[in-house]
Amino acid sequence: MAGNFWQSSHSQQWILDKQDLLRERQFDLQSLTEDEYQKVFIFFANVIQVLGEQLKLRQQVIATATVYFKRFYARNSLKNIDPLLLAPTCILLASKVEEFGVISNSRLISICQSAIKTKFSYSYTQEFPYRTNHILECEFYLLENLDCCLIVYQPYRPLLQLVQDMGQEDQLLTLSWRIVNDSLRTDVCLLYPPYQIAIACLQIACVILQKDATKQWFAELNVDLDKVQEIVRAIVNLYELWKDWKEKDEIQMLLAKIPKPKPPPQR
């Protein structure tokens, strides 16, 4: 995993252009506004986080699963696959790629069922409708759409190196790490290299903790600061959206507006 990011498929195939991303979303944006679209993806990132935590996965695995989820819908409409089926499928694939160990299919299904019944009962009135065969079939479709580009470079490693280089304490690392987790609810993982995301999250954390002494350190970095500021704006916009969003009141209405997959013909 410590290979060269710039030679990786992540760098060469999966740093996307913002205009291309918006163009691919046009079908879904006929049913949802841009804010509603982002809220749907915040919700499903939360679903992946909860499932991952209940399966006791490392944050790296959860982050990779979330990136797979976002990459799939960067090239596909929400109507192609139900996001509620794709979320556990991404977790299953990420756990294999990140060498976490095999999650048993029955355990994954039972955790999905209990999470939908308890943690997300405000959003779904029915039980989790999918079984192992659906997830395994979906996994092939996901692999095909990711073009088998499965190694994802995350901002966590560069973040650790940056904080170490800065000579700062644990409080800054903890807050920056949480902001990196939050950044998975934006498009930045599709648009920017991980080291730029790490710098942006670190900058936000320094502002929150009022670490004015770090300004000179940032000024001396050899990095495209315009790009870093774009990432900062995207994360700050996320917090603005989150602040006013009453998820429990709105999510059923939003899920009802999502373009739905056509049911398979009855045999």
Protein backbone atom coordinates (compact mmCIF):
# COMPACT_ATOMS: atom_id res chain seq x y z
CA MET A 1 0.00 0.00 0.00
CA ALA A 2 2.99 2.28 0.39
CA GLY A 3 3.48 2.26 -3.41
CA ASN A 4 3.62 5.41 -5.49
CA PHE A 5 0.27 7.24 -5.55
CA TRP A 6 1.11 9.04 -8.81
CA GLN A 7 1.57 5.73 -10.66
CA SER A 8 -1.57 4.19 -9.17
CA SER A 9 -4.97 3.66 -10.80
CA HIS A 10 -6.35 6.00 -8.10
CA SER A 11 -4.25 8.85 -9.49
CA GLN A 12 -4.51 7.99 -13.18
CA GLN A 13 -8.17 6.93 -13.44
CA TRP A 14 -10.05 8.08 -10.35
CA ILE A 15 -9.17 11.75 -9.83
CA LEU A 16 -12.20 13.04 -11.71
CA ASP A 17 -13.10 16.39 -13.22
CA LYS A 18 -15.85 18.34 -11.43
CA GLN A 19 -17.72 19.14 -14.67
CA ASP A 20 -17.69 15.47 -15.72
CA LEU A 21 -19.03 14.53 -12.29
CA LEU A 22 -21.92 17.01 -12.59
CA ARG A 23 -22.68 15.86 -16.14
CA GLU A 24 -22.96 12.22 -14.99
CA ARG A 25 -25.43 13.30 -12.28
CA GLN A 26 -27.86 15.10 -14.56
CA PHE A 27 -30.36 12.22 -14.64
CA ASP A 28 -30.52 12.03 -10.83
CA LEU A 29 -30.65 15.83 -10.52
CA GLN A 30 -33.95 15.77 -12.43
CA SER A 31 -35.47 14.10 -9.35
CA LEU A 32 -33.33 15.67 -6.59
CA THR A 33 -31.81 19.12 -6.02
CA GLU A 34 -28.02 19.26 -5.53
CA ASP A 35 -28.47 19.69 -1.76
CA GLU A 36 -30.89 16.75 -1.63
CA TYR A 37 -28.46 14.62 -3.65
CA GLN A 38 -25.68 15.41 -1.18
CA LYS A 39 -27.98 14.62 1.77
CA VAL A 40 -28.74 11.19 0.28
CA PHE A 41 -24.99 10.50 0.08
CA ILE A 42 -24.41 11.77 3.62
CA PHE A 43 -27.10 9.35 4.79
CA PHE A 44 -25.57 6.35 3.00
CA ALA A 45 -22.06 7.25 4.19
CA ASN A 46 -23.57 7.11 7.70
CA VAL A 47 -25.11 3.70 6.88
CA ILE A 48 -21.69 2.39 5.76
CA GLN A 49 -20.08 3.85 8.92
CA VAL A 50 -22.64 2.19 11.23
CA LEU A 51 -22.42 -1.19 9.46
CA GLY A 52 -18.61 -0.99 9.56
CA GLU A 53 -18.55 -0.16 13.27
CA GLN A 54 -20.96 -3.00 14.08
CA LEU A 55 -18.74 -5.38 12.08
CA LYS A 56 -15.76 -3.97 14.07
CA LEU A 57 -13.90 -2.90 10.90
CA ARG A 58 -10.95 -0.49 10.92
CA GLN A 59 -11.70 3.07 9.79
CA GLN A 60 -9.48 2.51 6.72
CA VAL A 61 -11.83 -0.28 5.54
CA ILE A 62 -14.92 1.89 6.14
CA ALA A 63 -13.29 4.77 4.24
CA THR A 64 -12.42 2.52 1.28
CA ALA A 65 -15.99 1.16 1.20
CA THR A 66 -17.33 4.74 1.15
CA VAL A 67 -15.01 5.69 -1.73
CA TYR A 68 -16.17 2.61 -3.72
CA PHE A 69 -19.77 3.68 -3.11
CA LYS A 70 -19.08 7.21 -4.36
CA ARG A 71 -17.05 6.01 -7.35
CA PHE A 72 -19.87 3.73 -8.48
CA TYR A 73 -22.43 6.55 -8.47
CA ALA A 74 -19.92 8.92 -10.07
CA ARG A 75 -20.42 6.82 -13.21
CA ASN A 76 -23.97 5.52 -12.65
CA SER A 77 -27.42 6.78 -11.75
CA LEU A 78 -29.00 5.91 -8.40
CA LYS A 79 -31.57 3.93 -10.40
CA ASN A 80 -28.94 1.40 -11.56
CA ILE A 81 -28.56 -0.24 -8.15
CA ASP A 82 -30.43 0.41 -4.91
CA PRO A 83 -27.92 2.22 -2.61
CA LEU A 84 -29.16 0.07 0.29
CA LEU A 85 -27.82 -2.99 -1.59
CA LEU A 86 -24.61 -1.30 -2.77
CA ALA A 87 -23.60 -0.09 0.74
CA PRO A 88 -23.04 -3.59 2.28
CA THR A 89 -21.55 -4.79 -1.03
CA CYS A 90 -18.90 -2.05 -0.83
CA ILE A 91 -18.13 -3.09 2.75
CA LEU A 92 -17.71 -6.73 1.72
CA LEU A 93 -15.33 -5.81 -1.14
CA ALA A 94 -13.34 -3.26 0.92
CA SER A 95 -12.78 -5.78 3.73
CA LYS A 96 -11.17 -8.16 1.21
CA VAL A 97 -9.05 -5.50 -0.51
CA GLU A 98 -7.84 -3.97 2.77
CA GLU A 99 -6.97 -7.49 3.98
CA PHE A 100 -9.18 -7.19 7.01
CA GLY A 101 -10.28 -10.79 6.74
CA VAL A 102 -13.38 -12.41 5.32
CA ILE A 103 -16.72 -11.24 6.69
CA SER A 104 -19.19 -14.12 6.70
CA ASN A 105 -22.12 -13.39 4.40
CA SER A 106 -24.68 -14.44 6.99
CA ARG A 107 -23.15 -12.09 9.59
CA LEU A 108 -23.19 -9.19 7.12
CA ILE A 109 -26.87 -9.79 6.30
CA SER A 110 -27.88 -10.13 9.97
CA ILE A 111 -26.05 -6.88 10.88
CA CYS A 112 -27.76 -5.09 7.96
CA GLN A 113 -31.12 -6.38 9.19
CA SER A 114 -30.54 -5.29 12.79
CA ALA A 115 -29.09 -1.87 11.79
CA ILE A 116 -32.08 -1.07 9.54
CA LYS A 117 -34.47 -2.19 12.29
CA THR A 118 -32.77 -0.26 15.13
CA LYS A 119 -30.41 2.51 13.97
CA PHE A 120 -32.29 3.48 10.80
CA SER A 121 -35.88 2.65 11.69
CA TYR A 122 -36.74 6.35 11.09
CA SER A 123 -35.81 5.97 7.41
CA TYR A 124 -37.08 2.50 6.47
CA THR A 125 -40.46 1.13 7.42
CA GLN A 126 -39.73 -2.34 5.99
CA GLU A 127 -37.03 -4.86 6.81
CA PHE A 128 -33.70 -5.12 4.95
CA PRO A 129 -34.88 -6.84 1.74
CA TYR A 130 -31.65 -8.38 0.38
CA ARG A 131 -29.98 -11.76 0.81
CA THR A 132 -26.48 -13.15 0.21
CA ASN A 133 -27.09 -13.95 -3.47
CA HIS A 134 -28.06 -10.30 -4.15
CA ILE A 135 -24.85 -9.00 -2.52
CA LEU A 136 -22.60 -11.48 -4.38
CA GLU A 137 -24.23 -10.59 -7.71
CA CYS A 138 -23.91 -6.87 -6.91
CA GLU A 139 -20.21 -7.38 -6.07
CA PHE A 140 -19.49 -8.48 -9.67
CA TYR A 141 -21.30 -5.43 -11.00
CA LEU A 142 -19.37 -3.16 -8.62
CA LEU A 143 -16.00 -4.71 -9.65
CA GLU A 144 -16.85 -4.19 -13.31
CA ASN A 145 -17.79 -0.54 -12.75
CA LEU A 146 -14.67 0.18 -10.69
CA ASP A 147 -12.71 -1.29 -13.60
CA CYS A 148 -10.99 -3.48 -10.98
CA CYS A 149 -9.17 -0.36 -9.64
CA LEU A 150 -9.42 -1.41 -6.01
CA ILE A 151 -6.44 0.20 -4.25
CA VAL A 152 -7.59 3.45 -2.64
CA TYR A 153 -5.07 5.87 -1.13
CA GLN A 154 -6.61 7.57 1.90
CA PRO A 155 -5.57 10.86 3.58
CA TYR A 156 -4.86 9.16 6.94
CA ARG A 157 -1.19 8.25 6.28
CA PRO A 158 -0.15 11.69 4.90
CA LEU A 159 -2.07 13.27 7.80
CA LEU A 160 0.01 11.33 10.36
CA GLN A 161 3.24 12.42 8.62
CA LEU A 162 2.11 16.09 8.43
CA VAL A 163 1.18 16.29 12.12
CA GLN A 164 4.47 14.65 13.04
CA ASP A 165 6.37 17.12 10.85
CA MET A 166 4.48 19.99 12.47
CA GLY A 167 5.49 18.73 15.90
CA GLN A 168 1.95 19.03 17.27
CA GLU A 169 0.12 17.07 19.92
CA ASP A 170 -2.58 14.40 19.84
CA GLN A 171 -5.50 16.85 20.08
CA LEU A 172 -4.75 18.22 16.61
CA LEU A 173 -4.39 14.73 15.11
CA THR A 174 -7.67 13.56 16.67
CA LEU A 175 -9.64 16.53 15.33
CA SER A 176 -7.99 16.39 11.86
CA TRP A 177 -8.72 12.64 11.68
CA ARG A 178 -12.41 13.29 12.41
CA ILE A 179 -12.52 15.97 9.71
CA VAL A 180 -10.99 13.49 7.22
CA ASN A 181 -13.81 11.07 8.16
CA ASP A 182 -16.35 13.85 7.56
CA SER A 183 -14.76 14.68 4.19
CA LEU A 184 -15.99 11.28 2.94
CA ARG A 185 -19.46 12.85 2.92
CA THR A 186 -18.34 15.29 0.20
CA ASP A 187 -16.98 14.75 -3.33
CA VAL A 188 -13.38 15.62 -2.43
CA CYS A 189 -12.24 11.96 -2.45
CA LEU A 190 -13.26 11.85 -6.15
CA LEU A 191 -11.64 15.16 -7.14
CA TYR A 192 -8.35 15.62 -5.22
CA PRO A 193 -5.27 13.60 -4.22
CA PRO A 194 -5.29 12.36 -0.60
CA TYR A 195 -2.31 14.49 0.54
CA GLN A 196 -4.21 17.68 -0.45
CA ILE A 197 -7.28 16.47 1.50
CA ALA A 198 -5.03 15.78 4.53
CA ILE A 199 -3.57 19.33 4.38
CA ALA A 200 -7.05 20.89 4.07
CA CYS A 201 -8.39 18.91 7.06
CA LEU A 202 -5.32 19.85 9.08
CA GLN A 203 -5.83 23.52 8.20
CA ILE A 204 -9.48 23.43 9.34
CA ALA A 205 -8.42 21.74 12.60
CA CYS A 206 -5.75 24.42 13.21
CA VAL A 207 -8.36 27.17 12.74
CA ILE A 208 -10.82 25.47 15.12
CA LEU A 209 -8.09 25.01 17.76
CA GLN A 210 -6.78 28.56 17.11
CA LYS A 211 -3.25 27.43 16.38
CA ASP A 212 -2.01 30.68 14.81
CA ALA A 213 1.62 29.61 15.16
CA THR A 214 1.12 27.04 12.36
CA LYS A 215 0.46 29.70 9.66
CA GLN A 216 4.15 29.90 8.71
CA TRP A 217 4.33 26.10 8.45
CA PHE A 218 1.43 26.07 5.96
CA ALA A 219 2.95 28.97 3.98
CA GLU A 220 6.15 26.96 3.47
CA LEU A 221 4.40 23.89 2.06
CA ASN A 222 5.11 23.13 -1.60
CA VAL A 223 1.47 22.50 -2.54
CA ASP A 224 -1.26 24.01 -4.74
CA LEU A 225 -2.97 26.16 -2.08
CA ASP A 226 -5.88 27.02 -4.42
CA LYS A 227 -6.79 23.33 -4.53
CA VAL A 228 -6.43 23.07 -0.75
CA GLN A 229 -8.82 26.02 -0.34
CA GLU A 230 -11.34 24.36 -2.69
CA ILE A 231 -11.29 21.30 -0.41
CA VAL A 232 -11.64 23.49 2.71
CA ARG A 233 -14.69 25.19 1.11
CA ALA A 234 -16.28 21.83 0.24
CA ILE A 235 -15.89 20.59 3.84
CA VAL A 236 -17.12 23.89 5.35
CA ASN A 237 -20.15 23.75 3.00
CA LEU A 238 -20.82 20.22 4.27
CA TYR A 239 -20.90 21.49 7.87
CA GLU A 240 -23.27 24.31 6.83
CA LEU A 241 -25.61 21.79 5.17
CA TRP A 242 -25.37 19.38 8.12
CA LYS A 243 -26.10 22.09 10.69
CA ASP A 244 -29.61 22.79 9.37
CA TRP A 245 -30.52 19.30 8.21
CA LYS A 246 -33.19 17.49 10.22
CA GLU A 247 -32.30 14.04 8.90
CA LYS A 248 -34.94 12.10 10.84
CA ASP A 249 -37.73 14.34 9.52
CA GLU A 250 -36.57 14.51 5.90
CA ILE A 251 -34.88 11.26 4.94
CA GLN A 252 -37.99 9.18 4.14
CA MET A 253 -39.16 11.87 1.73
CA LEU A 254 -35.69 12.04 0.11
CA LEU A 255 -35.41 8.25 -0.25
CA ALA A 256 -38.85 8.22 -1.90
CA LYS A 257 -37.58 10.74 -4.51
CA ILE A 258 -34.53 8.65 -5.53
CA PRO A 259 -34.85 7.18 -9.06
CA LYS A 260 -35.62 3.48 -8.48
CA PRO A 261 -34.23 0.41 -10.25
CA LYS A 262 -36.75 -1.36 -12.47
CA PRO A 263 -37.87 -4.61 -10.83
CA PRO A 264 -36.64 -7.75 -12.69
CA PRO A 265 -39.29 -9.50 -14.81
CA GLN A 266 -41.19 -12.20 -12.97
CA ARG A 267 -40.36 -15.70 -14.14
